[in-house]
Amino acid sequence: MKSVEELDVFQKAHRLTLELYKLTALFPVEEKYGLVSQIRRAASSINANLMEGSHRNNSGEYRHFTGISKGSVGELKYHILLSRDLGYLDSDCYIVLKNELEEISRMLTGLIKSLG
């Protein structure tokens, strides 16, 4: 099996996390400890949990942590929706991010299935 860093889902989620860090740097300063923090934490949690799961003792634990990653995707989907509705993200950016997250979610589902 490939190392977790070589997985397409890991690389895609990492690129998305970097993009979200750049985008949230433009959010209002009063959101620094609120929405910005939540978005960054949820985004980085996707790969942090994949990495942790891949270093566990068995595929069951890896599968469990991949499920947590998938939960972080769901959390992030809400945060970007809220960001759009508050006027921090335009609709086009929101749609791109939402589509990226949906693809990452599907990829995580595939990884979970492959782990048995």
PDB file of N, CA and C in Angstrom:
ATOM      1  N   MET A   1       0.843  -1.195   0.000  1.00  0.00           N
ATOM      2  CA  MET A   1       0.000   0.000   0.000  1.00  0.00           C
ATOM      3  C   MET A   1       0.883   1.252   0.000  1.00  0.00           C
ATOM      4  N   LYS A   2       0.424   2.286  -0.696  1.00  0.00           N
ATOM      5  CA  LYS A   2       1.138   3.561  -0.753  1.00  0.00           C
ATOM      6  C   LYS A   2       1.208   4.188   0.634  1.00  0.00           C
ATOM      7  N   SER A   3       2.230   5.039   0.820  1.00  0.00           N
ATOM      8  CA  SER A   3       2.242   5.822   2.050  1.00  0.00           C
ATOM      9  C   SER A   3       1.102   6.830   1.965  1.00  0.00           C
ATOM     10  N   VAL A   4       0.620   7.263   3.092  1.00  0.00           N
ATOM     11  CA  VAL A   4      -0.549   8.147   3.116  1.00  0.00           C
ATOM     12  C   VAL A   4      -0.280   9.437   2.341  1.00  0.00           C
ATOM     13  N   GLU A   5       0.953   9.936   2.394  1.00  0.00           N
ATOM     14  CA  GLU A   5       1.282  11.179   1.701  1.00  0.00           C
ATOM     15  C   GLU A   5       1.203  11.044   0.185  1.00  0.00           C
ATOM     16  N   GLU A   6       1.276   9.826  -0.310  1.00  0.00           N
ATOM     17  CA  GLU A   6       1.199   9.583  -1.753  1.00  0.00           C
ATOM     18  C   GLU A   6      -0.234   9.437  -2.258  1.00  0.00           C
ATOM     19  N   LEU A   7      -1.187   9.282  -1.369  1.00  0.00           N
ATOM     20  CA  LEU A   7      -2.576   9.113  -1.781  1.00  0.00           C
ATOM     21  C   LEU A   7      -3.116  10.401  -2.407  1.00  0.00           C
ATOM     22  N   ASP A   8      -3.873  10.246  -3.485  1.00  0.00           N
ATOM     23  CA  ASP A   8      -4.467  11.404  -4.153  1.00  0.00           C
ATOM     24  C   ASP A   8      -5.335  12.214  -3.198  1.00  0.00           C
ATOM     25  N   VAL A   9      -6.078  11.535  -2.335  1.00  0.00           N
ATOM     26  CA  VAL A   9      -6.955  12.245  -1.406  1.00  0.00           C
ATOM     27  C   VAL A   9      -6.141  13.085  -0.429  1.00  0.00           C
ATOM     28  N   PHE A  10      -5.012  12.586   0.030  1.00  0.00           N
ATOM     29  CA  PHE A  10      -4.154  13.347   0.940  1.00  0.00           C
ATOM     30  C   PHE A  10      -3.632  14.597   0.237  1.00  0.00           C
ATOM     31  N   GLN A  11      -3.133  14.417  -0.976  1.00  0.00           N
ATOM     32  CA  GLN A  11      -2.569  15.542  -1.720  1.00  0.00           C
ATOM     33  C   GLN A  11      -3.634  16.590  -2.040  1.00  0.00           C
ATOM     34  N   LYS A  12      -4.817  16.148  -2.426  1.00  0.00           N
ATOM     35  CA  LYS A  12      -5.921  17.062  -2.740  1.00  0.00           C
ATOM     36  C   LYS A  12      -6.350  17.826  -1.480  1.00  0.00           C
ATOM     37  N   ALA A  13      -6.483  17.130  -0.375  1.00  0.00           N
ATOM     38  CA  ALA A  13      -6.881  17.779   0.880  1.00  0.00           C
ATOM     39  C   ALA A  13      -5.802  18.749   1.362  1.00  0.00           C
ATOM     40  N   HIS A  14      -4.544  18.416   1.128  1.00  0.00           N
ATOM     41  CA  HIS A  14      -3.451  19.312   1.536  1.00  0.00           C
ATOM     42  C   HIS A  14      -3.495  20.607   0.714  1.00  0.00           C
ATOM     43  N   ARG A  15      -3.689  20.476  -0.594  1.00  0.00           N
ATOM     44  CA  ARG A  15      -3.797  21.671  -1.447  1.00  0.00           C
ATOM     45  C   ARG A  15      -4.976  22.540  -1.012  1.00  0.00           C
ATOM     46  N   LEU A  16      -6.098  21.890  -0.696  1.00  0.00           N
ATOM     47  CA  LEU A  16      -7.273  22.632  -0.243  1.00  0.00           C
ATOM     48  C   LEU A  16      -6.982  23.359   1.075  1.00  0.00           C
ATOM     49  N   THR A  17      -6.299  22.708   1.984  1.00  0.00           N
ATOM     50  CA  THR A  17      -5.960  23.329   3.260  1.00  0.00           C
ATOM     51  C   THR A  17      -5.102  24.569   3.040  1.00  0.00           C
ATOM     52  N   LEU A  18      -4.108  24.458   2.172  1.00  0.00           N
ATOM     53  CA  LEU A  18      -3.255  25.615   1.878  1.00  0.00           C
ATOM     54  C   LEU A  18      -4.068  26.762   1.290  1.00  0.00           C
ATOM     55  N   GLU A  19      -4.985  26.427   0.382  1.00  0.00           N
ATOM     56  CA  GLU A  19      -5.840  27.446  -0.227  1.00  0.00           C
ATOM     57  C   GLU A  19      -6.732  28.105   0.822  1.00  0.00           C
ATOM     58  N   LEU A  20      -7.277  27.319   1.734  1.00  0.00           N
ATOM     59  CA  LEU A  20      -8.147  27.878   2.775  1.00  0.00           C
ATOM     60  C   LEU A  20      -7.372  28.773   3.738  1.00  0.00           C
ATOM     61  N   TYR A  21      -6.125  28.433   4.004  1.00  0.00           N
ATOM     62  CA  TYR A  21      -5.301  29.318   4.836  1.00  0.00           C
ATOM     63  C   TYR A  21      -5.145  30.671   4.162  1.00  0.00           C
ATOM     64  N   LYS A  22      -4.921  30.677   2.847  1.00  0.00           N
ATOM     65  CA  LYS A  22      -4.776  31.940   2.111  1.00  0.00           C
ATOM     66  C   LYS A  22      -6.087  32.720   2.101  1.00  0.00           C
ATOM     67  N   LEU A  23      -7.187  32.025   1.816  1.00  0.00           N
ATOM     68  CA  LEU A  23      -8.488  32.696   1.765  1.00  0.00           C
ATOM     69  C   LEU A  23      -8.891  33.281   3.115  1.00  0.00           C
ATOM     70  N   THR A  24      -8.683  32.526   4.180  1.00  0.00           N
ATOM     71  CA  THR A  24      -9.109  33.004   5.497  1.00  0.00           C
ATOM     72  C   THR A  24      -8.228  34.139   6.015  1.00  0.00           C
ATOM     73  N   ALA A  25      -7.051  34.301   5.446  1.00  0.00           N
ATOM     74  CA  ALA A  25      -6.209  35.446   5.824  1.00  0.00           C
ATOM     75  C   ALA A  25      -6.878  36.763   5.422  1.00  0.00           C
ATOM     76  N   LEU A  26      -7.827  36.687   4.498  1.00  0.00           N
ATOM     77  CA  LEU A  26      -8.547  37.871   4.013  1.00  0.00           C
ATOM     78  C   LEU A  26      -9.844  38.132   4.777  1.00  0.00           C
ATOM     79  N   PHE A  27     -10.212  37.230   5.688  1.00  0.00           N
ATOM     80  CA  PHE A  27     -11.438  37.397   6.474  1.00  0.00           C
ATOM     81  C   PHE A  27     -11.251  38.565   7.456  1.00  0.00           C
ATOM     82  N   PRO A  28     -12.343  39.118   7.964  1.00  0.00           N
ATOM     83  CA  PRO A  28     -12.241  40.209   8.947  1.00  0.00           C
ATOM     84  C   PRO A  28     -11.447  39.777  10.184  1.00  0.00           C
ATOM     85  N   VAL A  29     -10.715  40.718  10.735  1.00  0.00           N
ATOM     86  CA  VAL A  29      -9.852  40.426  11.879  1.00  0.00           C
ATOM     87  C   VAL A  29     -10.644  39.881  13.073  1.00  0.00           C
ATOM     88  N   GLU A  30     -11.899  40.293  13.208  1.00  0.00           N
ATOM     89  CA  GLU A  30     -12.693  39.811  14.350  1.00  0.00           C
ATOM     90  C   GLU A  30     -13.038  38.330  14.239  1.00  0.00           C
ATOM     91  N   GLU A  31     -12.815  37.732  13.077  1.00  0.00           N
ATOM     92  CA  GLU A  31     -13.060  36.296  12.891  1.00  0.00           C
ATOM     93  C   GLU A  31     -11.809  35.451  13.152  1.00  0.00           C
ATOM     94  N   LYS A  32     -10.691  36.092  13.506  1.00  0.00           N
ATOM     95  CA  LYS A  32      -9.428  35.364  13.687  1.00  0.00           C
ATOM     96  C   LYS A  32      -9.563  34.189  14.657  1.00  0.00           C
ATOM     97  N   TYR A  33     -10.243  34.396  15.764  1.00  0.00           N
ATOM     98  CA  TYR A  33     -10.381  33.332  16.769  1.00  0.00           C
ATOM     99  C   TYR A  33     -11.728  32.619  16.670  1.00  0.00           C
ATOM    100  N   GLY A  34     -12.507  32.966  15.681  1.00  0.00           N
ATOM    101  CA  GLY A  34     -13.801  32.344  15.467  1.00  0.00           C
ATOM    102  C   GLY A  34     -13.778  31.485  14.219  1.00  0.00           C
ATOM    103  N   LEU A  35     -14.394  31.992  13.181  1.00  0.00           N
ATOM    104  CA  LEU A  35     -14.567  31.231  11.952  1.00  0.00           C
ATOM    105  C   LEU A  35     -13.236  30.867  11.287  1.00  0.00           C
ATOM    106  N   VAL A  36     -12.282  31.772  11.279  1.00  0.00           N
ATOM    107  CA  VAL A  36     -10.971  31.467  10.675  1.00  0.00           C
ATOM    108  C   VAL A  36     -10.330  30.279  11.374  1.00  0.00           C
ATOM    109  N   SER A  37     -10.331  30.308  12.677  1.00  0.00           N
ATOM    110  CA  SER A  37      -9.754  29.217  13.458  1.00  0.00           C
ATOM    111  C   SER A  37     -10.478  27.901  13.191  1.00  0.00           C
ATOM    112  N   GLN A  38     -11.800  27.947  13.128  1.00  0.00           N
ATOM    113  CA  GLN A  38     -12.590  26.739  12.900  1.00  0.00           C
ATOM    114  C   GLN A  38     -12.318  26.152  11.511  1.00  0.00           C
ATOM    115  N   ILE A  39     -12.257  27.015  10.493  1.00  0.00           N
ATOM    116  CA  ILE A  39     -11.990  26.549   9.132  1.00  0.00           C
ATOM    117  C   ILE A  39     -10.612  25.915   9.050  1.00  0.00           C
ATOM    118  N   ARG A  40      -9.634  26.577   9.581  1.00  0.00           N
ATOM    119  CA  ARG A  40      -8.261  26.058   9.517  1.00  0.00           C
ATOM    120  C   ARG A  40      -8.123  24.752  10.291  1.00  0.00           C
ATOM    121  N   ARG A  41      -8.755  24.673  11.440  1.00  0.00           N
ATOM    122  CA  ARG A  41      -8.679  23.451  12.238  1.00  0.00           C
ATOM    123  C   ARG A  41      -9.349  22.292  11.516  1.00  0.00           C
ATOM    124  N   ALA A  42     -10.551  22.522  10.966  1.00  0.00           N
ATOM    125  CA  ALA A  42     -11.268  21.451  10.269  1.00  0.00           C
ATOM    126  C   ALA A  42     -10.512  21.011   9.016  1.00  0.00           C
ATOM    127  N   ALA A  43      -9.960  21.967   8.272  1.00  0.00           N
ATOM    128  CA  ALA A  43      -9.226  21.633   7.049  1.00  0.00           C
ATOM    129  C   ALA A  43      -7.986  20.799   7.365  1.00  0.00           C
ATOM    130  N   SER A  44      -7.213  21.229   8.349  1.00  0.00           N
ATOM    131  CA  SER A  44      -5.990  20.489   8.677  1.00  0.00           C
ATOM    132  C   SER A  44      -6.306  19.154   9.347  1.00  0.00           C
ATOM    133  N   SER A  45      -7.467  19.058   9.960  1.00  0.00           N
ATOM    134  CA  SER A  45      -7.881  17.819  10.619  1.00  0.00           C
ATOM    135  C   SER A  45      -8.086  16.673   9.625  1.00  0.00           C
ATOM    136  N   ILE A  46      -8.464  17.007   8.394  1.00  0.00           N
ATOM    137  CA  ILE A  46      -8.677  15.954   7.389  1.00  0.00           C
ATOM    138  C   ILE A  46      -7.407  15.120   7.248  1.00  0.00           C
ATOM    139  N   ASN A  47      -6.295  15.776   6.964  1.00  0.00           N
ATOM    140  CA  ASN A  47      -5.053  15.035   6.755  1.00  0.00           C
ATOM    141  C   ASN A  47      -4.376  14.630   8.057  1.00  0.00           C
ATOM    142  N   ALA A  48      -4.574  15.390   9.111  1.00  0.00           N
ATOM    143  CA  ALA A  48      -3.982  14.996  10.393  1.00  0.00           C
ATOM    144  C   ALA A  48      -4.541  13.637  10.831  1.00  0.00           C
ATOM    145  N   ASN A  49      -5.843  13.444  10.635  1.00  0.00           N
ATOM    146  CA  ASN A  49      -6.449  12.158  10.999  1.00  0.00           C
ATOM    147  C   ASN A  49      -6.061  11.043  10.043  1.00  0.00           C
ATOM    148  N   LEU A  50      -5.922  11.365   8.749  1.00  0.00           N
ATOM    149  CA  LEU A  50      -5.426  10.344   7.812  1.00  0.00           C
ATOM    150  C   LEU A  50      -4.021   9.898   8.217  1.00  0.00           C
ATOM    151  N   MET A  51      -3.184  10.858   8.551  1.00  0.00           N
ATOM    152  CA  MET A  51      -1.806  10.552   8.942  1.00  0.00           C
ATOM    153  C   MET A  51      -1.790   9.726  10.228  1.00  0.00           C
ATOM    154  N   GLU A  52      -2.571  10.148  11.216  1.00  0.00           N
ATOM    155  CA  GLU A  52      -2.600   9.402  12.475  1.00  0.00           C
ATOM    156  C   GLU A  52      -3.108   7.981  12.254  1.00  0.00           C
ATOM    157  N   GLY A  53      -4.191   7.849  11.506  1.00  0.00           N
ATOM    158  CA  GLY A  53      -4.754   6.527  11.250  1.00  0.00           C
ATOM    159  C   GLY A  53      -3.783   5.614  10.537  1.00  0.00           C
ATOM    160  N   SER A  54      -3.026   6.165   9.606  1.00  0.00           N
ATOM    161  CA  SER A  54      -2.078   5.345   8.849  1.00  0.00           C
ATOM    162  C   SER A  54      -0.921   4.853   9.710  1.00  0.00           C
ATOM    163  N   HIS A  55      -0.708   5.502  10.839  1.00  0.00           N
ATOM    164  CA  HIS A  55       0.373   5.110  11.751  1.00  0.00           C
ATOM    165  C   HIS A  55      -0.125   4.257  12.916  1.00  0.00           C
ATOM    166  N   ARG A  56      -1.386   3.874  12.875  1.00  0.00           N
ATOM    167  CA  ARG A  56      -1.940   3.021  13.918  1.00  0.00           C
ATOM    168  C   ARG A  56      -1.609   1.557  13.655  1.00  0.00           C
ATOM    169  N   ASN A  57      -2.070   0.692  14.535  1.00  0.00           N
ATOM    170  CA  ASN A  57      -1.668  -0.712  14.519  1.00  0.00           C
ATOM    171  C   ASN A  57      -2.339  -1.580  13.466  1.00  0.00           C
ATOM    172  N   ASN A  58      -3.522  -1.181  13.001  1.00  0.00           N
ATOM    173  CA  ASN A  58      -4.228  -2.061  12.073  1.00  0.00           C
ATOM    174  C   ASN A  58      -5.166  -1.263  11.173  1.00  0.00           C
ATOM    175  N   SER A  59      -5.694  -1.953  10.168  1.00  0.00           N
ATOM    176  CA  SER A  59      -6.557  -1.268   9.201  1.00  0.00           C
ATOM    177  C   SER A  59      -7.873  -0.808   9.829  1.00  0.00           C
ATOM    178  N   GLY A  60      -8.322  -1.466  10.885  1.00  0.00           N
ATOM    179  CA  GLY A  60      -9.542  -1.030  11.567  1.00  0.00           C
ATOM    180  C   GLY A  60      -9.375   0.353  12.174  1.00  0.00           C
ATOM    181  N   GLU A  61      -8.233   0.579  12.791  1.00  0.00           N
ATOM    182  CA  GLU A  61      -7.969   1.902  13.359  1.00  0.00           C
ATOM    183  C   GLU A  61      -7.782   2.937  12.258  1.00  0.00           C
ATOM    184  N   TYR A  62      -7.112   2.554  11.176  1.00  0.00           N
ATOM    185  CA  TYR A  62      -6.930   3.445  10.030  1.00  0.00           C
ATOM    186  C   TYR A  62      -8.309   3.834   9.474  1.00  0.00           C
ATOM    187  N   ARG A  63      -9.188   2.867   9.336  1.00  0.00           N
ATOM    188  CA  ARG A  63     -10.545   3.106   8.852  1.00  0.00           C
ATOM    189  C   ARG A  63     -11.286   4.073   9.779  1.00  0.00           C
ATOM    190  N   HIS A  64     -11.138   3.874  11.080  1.00  0.00           N
ATOM    191  CA  HIS A  64     -11.783   4.744  12.065  1.00  0.00           C
ATOM    192  C   HIS A  64     -11.333   6.196  11.893  1.00  0.00           C
ATOM    193  N   PHE A  65     -10.033   6.410  11.779  1.00  0.00           N
ATOM    194  CA  PHE A  65      -9.511   7.768  11.650  1.00  0.00           C
ATOM    195  C   PHE A  65      -9.865   8.378  10.292  1.00  0.00           C
ATOM    196  N   THR A  66     -10.001   7.539   9.274  1.00  0.00           N
ATOM    197  CA  THR A  66     -10.446   8.032   7.974  1.00  0.00           C
ATOM    198  C   THR A  66     -11.890   8.507   8.078  1.00  0.00           C
ATOM    199  N   GLY A  67     -12.687   7.826   8.877  1.00  0.00           N
ATOM    200  CA  GLY A  67     -14.056   8.276   9.139  1.00  0.00           C
ATOM    201  C   GLY A  67     -14.084   9.621   9.846  1.00  0.00           C
ATOM    202  N   ILE A  68     -13.159   9.839  10.755  1.00  0.00           N
ATOM    203  CA  ILE A  68     -13.064  11.140  11.429  1.00  0.00           C
ATOM    204  C   ILE A  68     -12.692  12.214  10.410  1.00  0.00           C
ATOM    205  N   SER A  69     -11.787  11.877   9.484  1.00  0.00           N
ATOM    206  CA  SER A  69     -11.430  12.813   8.412  1.00  0.00           C
ATOM    207  C   SER A  69     -12.664  13.204   7.612  1.00  0.00           C
ATOM    208  N   LYS A  70     -13.483  12.222   7.314  1.00  0.00           N
ATOM    209  CA  LYS A  70     -14.711  12.465   6.554  1.00  0.00           C
ATOM    210  C   LYS A  70     -15.646  13.393   7.345  1.00  0.00           C
ATOM    211  N   GLY A  71     -15.692  13.237   8.658  1.00  0.00           N
ATOM    212  CA  GLY A  71     -16.479  14.140   9.496  1.00  0.00           C
ATOM    213  C   GLY A  71     -15.960  15.566   9.438  1.00  0.00           C
ATOM    214  N   SER A  72     -14.649  15.725   9.369  1.00  0.00           N
ATOM    215  CA  SER A  72     -14.065  17.059   9.253  1.00  0.00           C
ATOM    216  C   SER A  72     -14.448  17.717   7.931  1.00  0.00           C
ATOM    217  N   VAL A  73     -14.590  16.903   6.887  1.00  0.00           N
ATOM    218  CA  VAL A  73     -15.051  17.430   5.597  1.00  0.00           C
ATOM    219  C   VAL A  73     -16.456  18.007   5.765  1.00  0.00           C
ATOM    220  N   GLY A  74     -17.327  17.281   6.442  1.00  0.00           N
ATOM    221  CA  GLY A  74     -18.684  17.769   6.675  1.00  0.00           C
ATOM    222  C   GLY A  74     -18.706  19.062   7.470  1.00  0.00           C
ATOM    223  N   GLU A  75     -17.887  19.119   8.489  1.00  0.00           N
ATOM    224  CA  GLU A  75     -17.790  20.333   9.302  1.00  0.00           C
ATOM    225  C   GLU A  75     -17.325  21.513   8.440  1.00  0.00           C
ATOM    226  N   LEU A  76     -16.341  21.263   7.620  1.00  0.00           N
ATOM    227  CA  LEU A  76     -15.791  22.302   6.761  1.00  0.00           C
ATOM    228  C   LEU A  76     -16.818  22.783   5.737  1.00  0.00           C
ATOM    229  N   LYS A  77     -17.644  21.864   5.238  1.00  0.00           N
ATOM    230  CA  LYS A  77     -18.691  22.256   4.287  1.00  0.00           C
ATOM    231  C   LYS A  77     -19.624  23.284   4.926  1.00  0.00           C
ATOM    232  N   TYR A  78     -19.940  23.099   6.198  1.00  0.00           N
ATOM    233  CA  TYR A  78     -20.794  24.083   6.859  1.00  0.00           C
ATOM    234  C   TYR A  78     -20.067  25.421   7.036  1.00  0.00           C
ATOM    235  N   HIS A  79     -18.817  25.375   7.430  1.00  0.00           N
ATOM    236  CA  HIS A  79     -18.066  26.615   7.655  1.00  0.00           C
ATOM    237  C   HIS A  79     -17.935  27.441   6.381  1.00  0.00           C
ATOM    238  N   ILE A  80     -17.770  26.777   5.229  1.00  0.00           N
ATOM    239  CA  ILE A  80     -17.671  27.572   3.996  1.00  0.00           C
ATOM    240  C   ILE A  80     -19.046  28.120   3.588  1.00  0.00           C
ATOM    241  N   LEU A  81     -20.112  27.368   3.877  1.00  0.00           N
ATOM    242  CA  LEU A  81     -21.464  27.871   3.635  1.00  0.00           C
ATOM    243  C   LEU A  81     -21.707  29.123   4.480  1.00  0.00           C
ATOM    244  N   LEU A  82     -21.370  29.044   5.746  1.00  0.00           N
ATOM    245  CA  LEU A  82     -21.524  30.185   6.647  1.00  0.00           C
ATOM    246  C   LEU A  82     -20.681  31.364   6.163  1.00  0.00           C
ATOM    247  N   SER A  83     -19.462  31.081   5.722  1.00  0.00           N
ATOM    248  CA  SER A  83     -18.585  32.143   5.219  1.00  0.00           C
ATOM    249  C   SER A  83     -19.191  32.833   4.006  1.00  0.00           C
ATOM    250  N   ARG A  84     -19.791  32.049   3.129  1.00  0.00           N
ATOM    251  CA  ARG A  84     -20.470  32.636   1.968  1.00  0.00           C
ATOM    252  C   ARG A  84     -21.632  33.518   2.404  1.00  0.00           C
ATOM    253  N   ASP A  85     -22.443  32.992   3.307  1.00  0.00           N
ATOM    254  CA  ASP A  85     -23.630  33.729   3.733  1.00  0.00           C
ATOM    255  C   ASP A  85     -23.299  34.982   4.543  1.00  0.00           C
ATOM    256  N   LEU A  86     -22.126  35.013   5.151  1.00  0.00           N
ATOM    257  CA  LEU A  86     -21.677  36.210   5.870  1.00  0.00           C
ATOM    258  C   LEU A  86     -20.964  37.200   4.942  1.00  0.00           C
ATOM    259  N   GLY A  87     -20.770  36.791   3.680  1.00  0.00           N
ATOM    260  CA  GLY A  87     -20.141  37.676   2.708  1.00  0.00           C
ATOM    261  C   GLY A  87     -18.626  37.610   2.678  1.00  0.00           C
ATOM    262  N   TYR A  88     -18.042  36.592   3.319  1.00  0.00           N
ATOM    263  CA  TYR A  88     -16.584  36.462   3.339  1.00  0.00           C
ATOM    264  C   TYR A  88     -16.055  35.699   2.126  1.00  0.00           C
ATOM    265  N   LEU A  89     -16.906  34.889   1.503  1.00  0.00           N
ATOM    266  CA  LEU A  89     -16.567  34.173   0.274  1.00  0.00           C
ATOM    267  C   LEU A  89     -17.623  34.501  -0.763  1.00  0.00           C
ATOM    268  N   ASP A  90     -17.196  34.730  -2.006  1.00  0.00           N
ATOM    269  CA  ASP A  90     -18.199  34.943  -3.051  1.00  0.00           C
ATOM    270  C   ASP A  90     -18.759  33.592  -3.488  1.00  0.00           C
ATOM    271  N   SER A  91     -19.868  33.638  -4.198  1.00  0.00           N
ATOM    272  CA  SER A  91     -20.572  32.410  -4.580  1.00  0.00           C
ATOM    273  C   SER A  91     -19.731  31.500  -5.455  1.00  0.00           C
ATOM    274  N   ASP A  92     -18.961  32.067  -6.373  1.00  0.00           N
ATOM    275  CA  ASP A  92     -18.119  31.238  -7.246  1.00  0.00           C
ATOM    276  C   ASP A  92     -17.063  30.483  -6.444  1.00  0.00           C
ATOM    277  N   CYS A  93     -16.419  31.167  -5.527  1.00  0.00           N
ATOM    278  CA  CYS A  93     -15.411  30.536  -4.670  1.00  0.00           C
ATOM    279  C   CYS A  93     -16.058  29.446  -3.823  1.00  0.00           C
ATOM    280  N   TYR A  94     -17.222  29.738  -3.272  1.00  0.00           N
ATOM    281  CA  TYR A  94     -17.950  28.761  -2.462  1.00  0.00           C
ATOM    282  C   TYR A  94     -18.226  27.490  -3.259  1.00  0.00           C
ATOM    283  N   ILE A  95     -18.703  27.636  -4.487  1.00  0.00           N
ATOM    284  CA  ILE A  95     -19.039  26.472  -5.318  1.00  0.00           C
ATOM    285  C   ILE A  95     -17.793  25.628  -5.591  1.00  0.00           C
ATOM    286  N   VAL A  96     -16.682  26.275  -5.903  1.00  0.00           N
ATOM    287  CA  VAL A  96     -15.430  25.546  -6.146  1.00  0.00           C
ATOM    288  C   VAL A  96     -15.019  24.772  -4.897  1.00  0.00           C
ATOM    289  N   LEU A  97     -15.042  25.437  -3.740  1.00  0.00           N
ATOM    290  CA  LEU A  97     -14.652  24.779  -2.482  1.00  0.00           C
ATOM    291  C   LEU A  97     -15.599  23.632  -2.151  1.00  0.00           C
ATOM    292  N   LYS A  98     -16.895  23.859  -2.320  1.00  0.00           N
ATOM    293  CA  LYS A  98     -17.883  22.820  -2.025  1.00  0.00           C
ATOM    294  C   LYS A  98     -17.651  21.603  -2.917  1.00  0.00           C
ATOM    295  N   ASN A  99     -17.404  21.817  -4.191  1.00  0.00           N
ATOM    296  CA  ASN A  99     -17.138  20.706  -5.111  1.00  0.00           C
ATOM    297  C   ASN A  99     -15.865  19.958  -4.728  1.00  0.00           C
ATOM    298  N   GLU A 100     -14.834  20.684  -4.328  1.00  0.00           N
ATOM    299  CA  GLU A 100     -13.585  20.054  -3.879  1.00  0.00           C
ATOM    300  C   GLU A 100     -13.854  19.169  -2.656  1.00  0.00           C
ATOM    301  N   LEU A 101     -14.631  19.693  -1.724  1.00  0.00           N
ATOM    302  CA  LEU A 101     -14.932  18.937  -0.514  1.00  0.00           C
ATOM    303  C   LEU A 101     -15.767  17.701  -0.816  1.00  0.00           C
ATOM    304  N   GLU A 102     -16.694  17.816  -1.739  1.00  0.00           N
ATOM    305  CA  GLU A 102     -17.500  16.653  -2.100  1.00  0.00           C
ATOM    306  C   GLU A 102     -16.641  15.574  -2.757  1.00  0.00           C
ATOM    307  N   GLU A 103     -15.678  15.995  -3.572  1.00  0.00           N
ATOM    308  CA  GLU A 103     -14.778  15.020  -4.179  1.00  0.00           C
ATOM    309  C   GLU A 103     -13.888  14.358  -3.122  1.00  0.00           C
ATOM    310  N   ILE A 104     -13.374  15.147  -2.197  1.00  0.00           N
ATOM    311  CA  ILE A 104     -12.555  14.592  -1.111  1.00  0.00           C
ATOM    312  C   ILE A 104     -13.383  13.604  -0.296  1.00  0.00           C
ATOM    313  N   SER A 105     -14.632  13.937  -0.023  1.00  0.00           N
ATOM    314  CA  SER A 105     -15.509  13.036   0.731  1.00  0.00           C
ATOM    315  C   SER A 105     -15.679  11.702   0.000  1.00  0.00           C
ATOM    316  N   ARG A 106     -15.913  11.761  -1.311  1.00  0.00           N
ATOM    317  CA  ARG A 106     -16.051  10.522  -2.101  1.00  0.00           C
ATOM    318  C   ARG A 106     -14.748   9.708  -2.062  1.00  0.00           C
ATOM    319  N   MET A 107     -13.628  10.390  -2.157  1.00  0.00           N
ATOM    320  CA  MET A 107     -12.333   9.706  -2.127  1.00  0.00           C
ATOM    321  C   MET A 107     -12.108   9.038  -0.766  1.00  0.00           C
ATOM    322  N   LEU A 108     -12.507   9.709   0.296  1.00  0.00           N
ATOM    323  CA  LEU A 108     -12.375   9.120   1.636  1.00  0.00           C
ATOM    324  C   LEU A 108     -13.271   7.898   1.781  1.00  0.00           C
ATOM    325  N   THR A 109     -14.469   7.959   1.215  1.00  0.00           N
ATOM    326  CA  THR A 109     -15.364   6.807   1.228  1.00  0.00           C
ATOM    327  C   THR A 109     -14.693   5.637   0.527  1.00  0.00           C
ATOM    328  N   GLY A 110     -14.056   5.886  -0.601  1.00  0.00           N
ATOM    329  CA  GLY A 110     -13.339   4.833  -1.317  1.00  0.00           C
ATOM    330  C   GLY A 110     -12.198   4.270  -0.496  1.00  0.00           C
ATOM    331  N   LEU A 111     -11.487   5.139   0.215  1.00  0.00           N
ATOM    332  CA  LEU A 111     -10.377   4.671   1.059  1.00  0.00           C
ATOM    333  C   LEU A 111     -10.919   3.797   2.180  1.00  0.00           C
ATOM    334  N   ILE A 112     -12.000   4.223   2.798  1.00  0.00           N
ATOM    335  CA  ILE A 112     -12.618   3.431   3.876  1.00  0.00           C
ATOM    336  C   ILE A 112     -12.978   2.038   3.356  1.00  0.00           C
ATOM    337  N   LYS A 113     -13.597   1.977   2.191  1.00  0.00           N
ATOM    338  CA  LYS A 113     -13.979   0.684   1.611  1.00  0.00           C
ATOM    339  C   LYS A 113     -12.752  -0.180   1.318  1.00  0.00           C
ATOM    340  N   SER A 114     -11.677   0.443   0.864  1.00  0.00           N
ATOM    341  CA  SER A 114     -10.471  -0.326   0.533  1.00  0.00           C
ATOM    342  C   SER A 114      -9.780  -0.895   1.775  1.00  0.00           C
ATOM    343  N   LEU A 115     -10.050  -0.272   2.924  1.00  0.00           N
ATOM    344  CA  LEU A 115      -9.427  -0.732   4.166  1.00  0.00           C
ATOM    345  C   LEU A 115     -10.193  -1.885   4.806  1.00  0.00           C
ATOM    346  N   GLY A 116     -11.274  -2.291   4.167  1.00  0.00           N
ATOM    347  CA  GLY A 116     -12.022  -3.466   4.640  1.00  0.00           C
ATOM    348  C   GLY A 116     -13.074  -3.105   5.575  1.00  0.00           C
TER     349      GLY A 116
END
